[in-house]
Amino acid sequence: MPIRLILLFALVLAAAASAVSWLGVRRLHSLEHPAVTGALHLPEPRGRQRVALVLHPRKLNAPHARSQVELACAGAGWEPPLVLETTVVDPGYGQAIRALREGADVVIAAGGDGTVRAVARAVAHQGVAMGLIPLGTGNLLARNLGIPVSDLGASVHRALHGGGRRIDMGRAELRNDTTGERAEHIFLVLGGIGLDAVVVAATKDVLKEKFGWLAYSEAGLRSLPGKRQRVAISLDGGPPQSRTVHSVLFANCARLPGGIELIPDSTIDDGYIDVVVLSPRSILGWIWLGTKIVFRPHSVIPVINYYQAQRVTVTVSDPTQTQLDGDLSGRCTSLDVTVDPGALIVRSLQSPDHQRTTPLARRARG
C-alpha cells in the first residue's frame, strides 16, 4: 500500500477517533462514577466542614473557582475556606499537608492532573476526603469518576457536598542504572514507559492551550510508527518475560480524554493494576490498534495484550522516557509499579438533591 494512502487512512482514523471522543465527552455527562464498582460508597457529608482549597492560580478559571468555593461555603454557613495557592516549586503537596495540619475535613484540588496528583500524595490514608475541581486540559481522574469537567458549579457542589468513594492509587519507583538516580511517584489514572511518554514529550504546549487533549493526537501522528525496544516484564514477582514493544502502560482506570476506553470495563477500586503491552510492527499495526480501541474495544488482536497484577516490574537496557498521568516522570532503566488499594477518599458522587440513578457495570473476572 503506498505510504500516502496509509497516512491518509491514519488521518481519517484520527478524525474518526476525535468524533467518537467528542461523543464520549457528551456521554460522560450522563454517567455516574463509571470507573468504580460501587462497592465502597461513603455517605455524603453533613454538618459544618473545614474546607481547604489547593488552587493552581495560573489556570484560566482559577479566580472563578475560588469565588465559587467561597460563596458556597458562605451559603452553607461555614467558615471561609483555607485557600492555598500552588507554586512552581511546590505544585500542591506542601499546601495539602498544611491543610491537614489545620484540620481540614476536605482538601479540594483545583487545577490540572499535576495538582491532583500532588494533593493525592498528601491526603492518601489520612481519612480526609479529596475534592476535585478540574481546571486542566486532561482532567483524567475527574473524567474517570464522572465529575463534570466543563461545569464548574457542578464540580464545586460535588467537592463540598458529594458522596465519597474509596479508590486505589498507583505507586511507581523509577531507577536509572546509568545515572544512579532513583525516584518515587504516585499516579491515579495511567502511567507508561516507551512511546506513550515520547508522545507526551512531543506534544506542543501551544497546541495544548488551544486544543486541549486533542494536541496529543497531533503529537502521536508525528511519532508513529516509532521504534520498538526489548523489555523484560515481571508480574507479581513472577519470572521476567522478554518482549519487543513500543509501550508498556499501567492503568489504575482506563478512560482517556474524550471517553475512549483503553481497557474495557476497568475499575479504579478493584485492587489491581491493569497492564497494557503495545507492540505494533508498522503503521498498519497502529491503524489496526486504533480501530480496535475506538470501534471494537472488546475485540482481541495480537498487537495489544492485557494483564492484571498488584505489582509490575519493567526493565530496559537503555534509559527510557516515562510518563504518569500525562506528565513526564523521567528516564529509567527499571520501573516498579504497585497498587495501593483504597488509598483515597474522593468526593465524586452527586448529593441526593442532584443525584441521577444509573446502572453500574461490575467488572467480570475470569
Protein backbone atom coordinates (compact mmCIF):
# COMPACT_ATOMS: atom_id res chain seq x y z
CA MET A 1 0.00 0.00 0.00
CA PRO A 2 1.51 3.41 -0.94
CA ILE A 3 2.70 5.39 2.05
CA ARG A 4 0.49 8.36 1.14
CA LEU A 5 -2.59 6.14 1.24
CA ILE A 6 -1.51 4.74 4.60
CA LEU A 7 -1.05 8.22 6.03
CA LEU A 8 -4.39 9.32 4.61
CA PHE A 9 -6.07 6.37 6.27
CA ALA A 10 -4.32 7.22 9.53
CA LEU A 11 -5.61 10.79 9.32
CA VAL A 12 -9.13 9.57 8.61
CA LEU A 13 -8.88 7.24 11.60
CA ALA A 14 -7.67 10.12 13.76
CA ALA A 15 -10.63 12.22 12.64
CA ALA A 16 -12.99 9.35 13.41
CA ALA A 17 -11.38 8.91 16.81
CA SER A 18 -11.87 12.61 17.51
CA ALA A 19 -15.54 12.33 16.56
CA VAL A 20 -16.03 9.31 18.79
CA SER A 21 -14.14 11.14 21.55
CA TRP A 22 -16.46 14.14 21.23
CA LEU A 23 -19.45 11.85 21.56
CA GLY A 24 -17.74 10.23 24.52
CA VAL A 25 -17.38 13.60 26.23
CA ARG A 26 -21.11 14.18 25.83
CA ARG A 27 -21.87 10.68 27.11
CA LEU A 28 -19.75 11.25 30.22
CA HIS A 29 -22.22 13.86 31.44
CA SER A 30 -24.88 11.14 31.78
CA LEU A 31 -22.62 8.64 33.57
CA GLU A 32 -22.41 8.40 37.34
CA HIS A 33 -18.98 7.21 38.60
CA PRO A 34 -18.36 4.97 35.52
CA ALA A 35 -14.95 3.74 36.65
CA VAL A 36 -15.88 2.38 40.07
CA THR A 37 -17.61 -0.83 41.09
CA GLY A 38 -20.00 0.74 43.55
CA ALA A 39 -18.81 -1.37 46.49
CA LEU A 40 -17.20 1.40 48.55
CA HIS A 41 -19.71 4.24 48.74
CA LEU A 42 -19.34 6.61 51.68
CA PRO A 43 -22.28 8.79 52.80
CA GLU A 44 -22.46 12.43 51.82
CA PRO A 45 -21.00 14.87 54.38
CA ARG A 46 -23.32 16.53 56.88
CA GLY A 47 -22.87 19.46 59.24
CA ARG A 48 -20.17 22.09 59.26
CA GLN A 49 -16.96 21.44 57.34
CA ARG A 50 -13.49 22.93 57.36
CA VAL A 51 -12.67 23.34 53.68
CA ALA A 52 -9.21 23.75 52.17
CA LEU A 53 -8.75 24.74 48.53
CA VAL A 54 -5.39 23.94 46.92
CA LEU A 55 -5.55 26.17 43.84
CA HIS A 56 -3.37 26.39 40.73
CA PRO A 57 -3.52 30.19 40.30
CA ARG A 58 -2.41 30.25 36.67
CA LYS A 59 -5.27 28.14 35.34
CA LEU A 60 -7.80 30.03 33.27
CA ASN A 61 -10.79 29.61 35.60
CA ALA A 62 -8.84 29.73 38.86
CA PRO A 63 -10.31 33.06 40.11
CA HIS A 64 -13.84 31.90 39.28
CA ALA A 65 -13.26 28.56 41.03
CA ARG A 66 -12.05 30.34 44.16
CA SER A 67 -15.04 32.67 44.27
CA GLN A 68 -17.48 29.79 43.76
CA VAL A 69 -16.00 27.80 46.64
CA GLU A 70 -16.03 30.89 48.90
CA LEU A 71 -19.66 31.65 48.01
CA ALA A 72 -20.70 28.02 48.52
CA CYS A 73 -19.06 27.89 51.96
CA ALA A 74 -20.71 31.16 52.96
CA GLY A 75 -24.07 29.92 51.70
CA ALA A 76 -23.73 26.77 53.81
CA GLY A 77 -22.91 28.81 56.92
CA TRP A 78 -19.33 27.53 57.12
CA GLU A 79 -16.19 29.48 57.82
CA PRO A 80 -14.30 30.75 54.74
CA PRO A 81 -12.18 28.13 53.00
CA LEU A 82 -8.46 27.97 53.59
CA VAL A 83 -7.09 28.91 50.14
CA LEU A 84 -3.55 27.74 49.40
CA GLU A 85 -2.04 28.52 46.00
CA THR A 86 0.41 26.19 44.30
CA THR A 87 3.82 27.33 43.10
CA VAL A 88 6.36 26.13 40.57
CA VAL A 89 8.47 24.78 43.43
CA ASP A 90 5.54 23.12 45.22
CA PRO A 91 2.66 22.03 42.94
CA GLY A 92 0.33 21.17 45.83
CA TYR A 93 1.87 18.63 48.23
CA GLY A 94 3.07 21.10 50.85
CA GLN A 95 -0.18 23.04 50.66
CA ALA A 96 -2.21 19.87 51.23
CA ILE A 97 0.00 18.91 54.20
CA ARG A 98 -0.68 22.33 55.73
CA ALA A 99 -4.42 21.86 55.15
CA LEU A 100 -4.30 18.55 57.04
CA ARG A 101 -2.42 20.17 59.93
CA GLU A 102 -5.08 22.87 60.15
CA GLY A 103 -7.87 20.31 60.48
CA ALA A 104 -9.42 20.33 57.01
CA ASP A 105 -12.32 17.91 56.51
CA VAL A 106 -11.93 18.07 52.73
CA VAL A 107 -8.96 19.16 50.64
CA ILE A 108 -10.01 20.31 47.18
CA ALA A 109 -7.52 20.07 44.33
CA ALA A 110 -8.36 22.81 41.81
CA GLY A 111 -6.04 22.58 38.82
CA GLY A 112 -4.73 20.06 36.34
CA ASP A 113 -3.58 16.47 36.73
CA GLY A 114 -0.31 17.57 38.38
CA THR A 115 -2.16 19.43 41.12
CA VAL A 116 -4.49 16.50 41.71
CA ARG A 117 -1.58 14.07 41.95
CA ALA A 118 0.30 16.29 44.44
CA VAL A 119 -2.73 16.66 46.70
CA ALA A 120 -3.49 12.93 46.48
CA ARG A 121 0.02 12.07 47.65
CA ALA A 122 -0.53 14.15 50.78
CA VAL A 123 -4.04 13.01 51.72
CA ALA A 124 -3.64 9.28 50.98
CA HIS A 125 -4.57 7.15 54.01
CA GLN A 126 -5.27 10.25 56.13
CA GLY A 127 -9.03 9.69 56.42
CA VAL A 128 -9.67 13.11 54.87
CA ALA A 129 -11.68 13.45 51.66
CA MET A 130 -10.28 14.93 48.46
CA GLY A 131 -12.47 17.05 46.21
CA LEU A 132 -11.80 17.75 42.54
CA ILE A 133 -12.35 20.95 40.58
CA PRO A 134 -10.92 20.14 37.13
CA LEU A 135 -9.17 23.14 35.56
CA GLY A 136 -6.60 21.41 33.31
CA THR A 137 -6.57 20.03 29.77
CA GLY A 138 -6.61 16.34 30.64
CA ASN A 139 -8.50 16.12 33.96
CA LEU A 140 -8.03 12.36 33.81
CA LEU A 141 -9.25 11.39 37.27
CA ALA A 142 -12.30 13.64 37.10
CA ARG A 143 -13.29 12.14 33.75
CA ASN A 144 -12.98 8.60 35.07
CA LEU A 145 -15.09 9.41 38.12
CA GLY A 146 -17.80 11.10 36.06
CA ILE A 147 -17.20 14.57 37.52
CA PRO A 148 -18.32 17.23 35.01
CA VAL A 149 -15.17 18.80 33.60
CA SER A 150 -17.00 21.65 31.87
CA ASP A 151 -19.45 22.57 34.64
CA LEU A 152 -17.61 24.45 37.37
CA GLY A 153 -20.65 24.84 39.59
CA ALA A 154 -21.42 21.13 39.50
CA SER A 155 -17.84 20.14 40.35
CA VAL A 156 -17.77 22.61 43.26
CA HIS A 157 -21.03 21.18 44.59
CA ARG A 158 -19.71 17.61 44.45
CA ALA A 159 -16.45 18.58 46.14
CA LEU A 160 -18.33 20.18 49.04
CA HIS A 161 -21.49 18.07 49.34
CA GLY A 162 -20.99 14.91 47.27
CA GLY A 163 -20.70 11.36 48.50
CA GLY A 164 -17.26 9.81 48.63
CA ARG A 165 -15.61 6.81 47.02
CA ARG A 166 -12.57 4.92 48.19
CA ILE A 167 -10.30 4.45 45.19
CA ASP A 168 -6.95 2.84 44.53
CA MET A 169 -3.73 4.71 43.84
CA GLY A 170 -0.70 3.61 41.84
CA ARG A 171 2.87 3.90 43.12
CA ALA A 172 5.87 3.92 40.79
CA GLU A 173 9.53 3.57 41.69
CA LEU A 174 11.94 4.60 38.92
CA ARG A 175 15.63 3.68 38.84
CA ASN A 176 18.22 4.76 36.32
CA ASP A 177 21.29 2.50 36.48
CA THR A 178 23.16 4.80 34.09
CA THR A 179 22.96 7.89 36.31
CA GLY A 180 22.30 6.21 39.65
CA GLU A 181 19.13 8.28 40.13
CA ARG A 182 16.07 6.95 41.90
CA ALA A 183 12.62 8.50 42.29
CA GLU A 184 9.23 7.56 43.70
CA HIS A 185 5.92 8.90 42.36
CA ILE A 186 2.22 8.21 42.61
CA PHE A 187 -0.32 8.16 39.80
CA LEU A 188 -4.09 7.96 39.71
CA VAL A 189 -5.06 7.00 36.17
CA LEU A 190 -2.36 5.95 33.70
CA GLY A 191 1.41 5.64 33.53
CA GLY A 192 3.71 4.20 30.92
CA ILE A 193 7.20 3.65 29.59
CA GLY A 194 8.12 3.96 25.93
CA LEU A 195 6.34 5.58 23.01
CA ASP A 196 3.44 6.96 25.05
CA ALA A 197 5.94 9.05 27.04
CA VAL A 198 7.62 10.12 23.78
CA VAL A 199 4.22 11.40 22.60
CA VAL A 200 3.74 13.34 25.85
CA ALA A 201 7.18 14.90 25.39
CA ALA A 202 6.42 15.77 21.75
CA THR A 203 3.10 17.47 22.49
CA LYS A 204 3.35 21.20 21.92
CA ASP A 205 2.25 23.44 24.78
CA VAL A 206 0.75 25.99 22.40
CA LEU A 207 -1.49 23.28 20.91
CA LYS A 208 -2.48 22.03 24.38
CA GLU A 209 -3.55 25.55 25.33
CA LYS A 210 -5.55 25.93 22.12
CA PHE A 211 -6.99 22.46 21.52
CA GLY A 212 -6.69 20.73 24.91
CA TRP A 213 -6.20 16.96 24.93
CA LEU A 214 -6.56 16.76 21.11
CA ALA A 215 -2.99 18.10 20.91
CA TYR A 216 -1.79 14.62 21.92
CA SER A 217 -3.30 13.21 18.70
CA GLU A 218 -1.13 15.53 16.60
CA ALA A 219 1.97 14.51 18.54
CA GLY A 220 1.01 10.86 18.20
CA LEU A 221 0.77 11.05 14.42
CA ARG A 222 4.21 12.70 14.28
CA SER A 223 5.69 9.98 16.49
CA LEU A 224 4.35 6.97 14.56
CA PRO A 225 5.31 4.30 13.79
CA GLY A 226 8.17 4.68 16.30
CA LYS A 227 10.90 2.25 17.26
CA ARG A 228 10.24 -0.91 19.25
CA GLN A 229 12.58 -1.99 22.02
CA ARG A 230 13.28 -5.10 24.08
CA VAL A 231 11.85 -5.07 27.62
CA ALA A 232 11.52 -7.59 30.45
CA ILE A 233 8.16 -7.65 32.23
CA SER A 234 7.53 -9.35 35.58
CA LEU A 235 4.04 -9.69 37.07
CA ASP A 236 3.59 -10.15 40.83
CA GLY A 237 7.19 -11.29 41.29
CA GLY A 238 7.00 -13.93 38.58
CA PRO A 239 9.80 -14.71 36.12
CA PRO A 240 10.53 -11.86 33.67
CA GLN A 241 9.02 -12.21 30.19
CA SER A 242 11.07 -10.78 27.33
CA ARG A 243 9.02 -8.75 24.82
CA THR A 244 9.73 -6.36 21.96
CA VAL A 245 7.28 -3.50 22.36
CA HIS A 246 6.53 0.18 21.77
CA SER A 247 4.98 0.88 25.17
CA VAL A 248 4.03 -0.76 28.43
CA LEU A 249 1.15 1.05 30.13
CA PHE A 250 -0.03 0.79 33.74
CA ALA A 251 -3.66 1.73 34.27
CA ASN A 252 -5.48 2.35 37.54
CA CYS A 253 -8.55 3.08 35.43
CA ALA A 254 -8.98 3.19 31.70
CA ARG A 255 -10.98 6.12 30.37
CA LEU A 256 -8.89 8.51 28.29
CA PRO A 257 -9.87 12.11 27.44
CA GLY A 258 -12.90 12.05 25.17
CA GLY A 259 -14.42 8.98 26.76
CA ILE A 260 -12.31 6.46 24.81
CA GLU A 261 -11.78 3.31 26.87
CA LEU A 262 -8.27 1.92 26.62
CA ILE A 263 -9.21 -1.06 28.80
CA PRO A 264 -12.88 -2.04 28.60
CA ASP A 265 -14.67 -2.24 31.96
CA SER A 266 -11.59 -1.40 34.03
CA THR A 267 -12.34 -0.07 37.52
CA ILE A 268 -10.46 2.20 39.88
CA ASP A 269 -11.23 0.34 43.11
CA ASP A 270 -10.53 -3.31 42.30
CA GLY A 271 -7.11 -3.57 43.97
CA TYR A 272 -5.27 -4.28 40.71
CA ILE A 273 -3.13 -2.52 38.12
CA ASP A 274 -4.15 -3.18 34.51
CA VAL A 275 -1.09 -3.69 32.32
CA VAL A 276 -1.27 -2.96 28.59
CA VAL A 277 1.51 -4.03 26.23
CA LEU A 278 1.51 -2.33 22.81
CA SER A 279 3.58 -3.97 20.08
CA PRO A 280 2.52 -2.93 16.53
CA ARG A 281 5.24 -3.60 13.96
CA SER A 282 4.25 -0.94 11.40
CA ILE A 283 1.91 1.93 10.63
CA LEU A 284 -0.65 -0.66 9.56
CA GLY A 285 -0.39 -2.23 13.01
CA TRP A 286 -1.10 1.14 14.61
CA ILE A 287 -4.13 1.62 12.36
CA TRP A 288 -5.34 -1.83 13.40
CA LEU A 289 -4.77 -0.96 17.04
CA GLY A 290 -6.51 2.40 16.74
CA THR A 291 -9.51 0.84 15.04
CA LYS A 292 -9.82 -1.72 17.84
CA ILE A 293 -9.61 0.85 20.65
CA VAL A 294 -12.06 3.29 19.07
CA PHE A 295 -14.60 0.99 17.44
CA ARG A 296 -14.21 -2.55 18.87
CA PRO A 297 -12.88 -2.28 22.44
CA HIS A 298 -13.74 -5.89 23.35
CA SER A 299 -12.07 -7.49 20.32
CA VAL A 300 -8.80 -9.43 20.66
CA ILE A 301 -5.84 -8.63 18.39
CA PRO A 302 -2.19 -9.70 18.68
CA VAL A 303 -0.67 -6.19 18.77
CA ILE A 304 -2.14 -5.38 22.19
CA ASN A 305 -2.11 -7.58 25.30
CA TYR A 306 -3.80 -7.07 28.66
CA TYR A 307 -2.74 -8.34 32.08
CA GLN A 308 -3.70 -7.69 35.70
CA ALA A 309 -1.36 -7.63 38.67
CA GLN A 310 -0.74 -5.96 42.00
CA ARG A 311 2.92 -5.42 41.16
CA VAL A 312 4.58 -4.95 37.78
CA THR A 313 8.30 -4.56 37.08
CA VAL A 314 9.68 -3.47 33.70
CA THR A 315 13.39 -3.33 32.92
CA VAL A 316 15.12 -2.00 29.80
CA SER A 317 18.75 -1.83 28.73
CA ASP A 318 18.84 1.89 27.89
CA PRO A 319 17.26 4.75 29.86
CA THR A 320 13.74 5.16 28.52
CA GLN A 321 11.25 8.00 28.94
CA THR A 322 8.26 7.54 31.28
CA GLN A 323 5.04 9.42 31.98
CA LEU A 324 2.50 9.42 34.79
CA ASP A 325 -0.99 10.84 34.27
CA GLY A 326 0.20 12.72 31.20
CA ASP A 327 3.25 14.35 32.84
CA LEU A 328 6.83 13.32 32.13
CA SER A 329 8.44 11.50 35.05
CA GLY A 330 11.98 10.99 33.75
CA ARG A 331 14.06 8.28 32.10
CA CYS A 332 14.71 4.98 33.81
CA THR A 333 16.12 1.51 33.24
CA SER A 334 13.81 -0.11 35.80
CA LEU A 335 10.24 0.74 36.69
CA ASP A 336 8.43 -0.94 39.60
CA VAL A 337 4.68 -0.27 39.82
CA THR A 338 2.41 -1.33 42.68
CA VAL A 339 -1.23 -0.72 43.58
CA ASP A 340 -2.18 0.99 46.84
CA PRO A 341 -5.75 -0.26 47.41
CA GLY A 342 -8.35 2.14 48.81
CA ALA A 343 -5.75 4.83 49.41
CA LEU A 344 -8.00 7.82 48.71
CA ILE A 345 -11.48 9.06 49.56
CA VAL A 346 -12.68 11.18 46.64
CA ARG A 347 -15.88 13.22 46.62
CA SER A 348 -17.31 12.16 43.27
CA LEU A 349 -20.98 11.27 43.78
CA GLN A 350 -23.80 13.73 43.38
CA SER A 351 -25.55 14.67 46.57
CA PRO A 352 -29.13 13.33 46.88
CA ASP A 353 -30.80 16.53 45.72
CA HIS A 354 -28.85 16.37 42.45
CA GLN A 355 -28.41 12.62 42.00
CA ARG A 356 -29.44 10.66 38.92
CA THR A 357 -29.69 6.89 39.08
CA THR A 358 -27.74 4.92 36.53
CA PRO A 359 -26.86 1.24 36.43
CA LEU A 360 -23.32 0.29 37.34
CA ALA A 361 -21.42 -2.30 35.37
CA ARG A 362 -19.39 -4.60 37.59
CA ARG A 363 -16.28 -5.98 36.01
CA ALA A 364 -16.32 -9.75 35.46
CA ARG A 365 -13.20 -11.70 36.28
CA GLY A 366 -12.11 -14.83 34.54
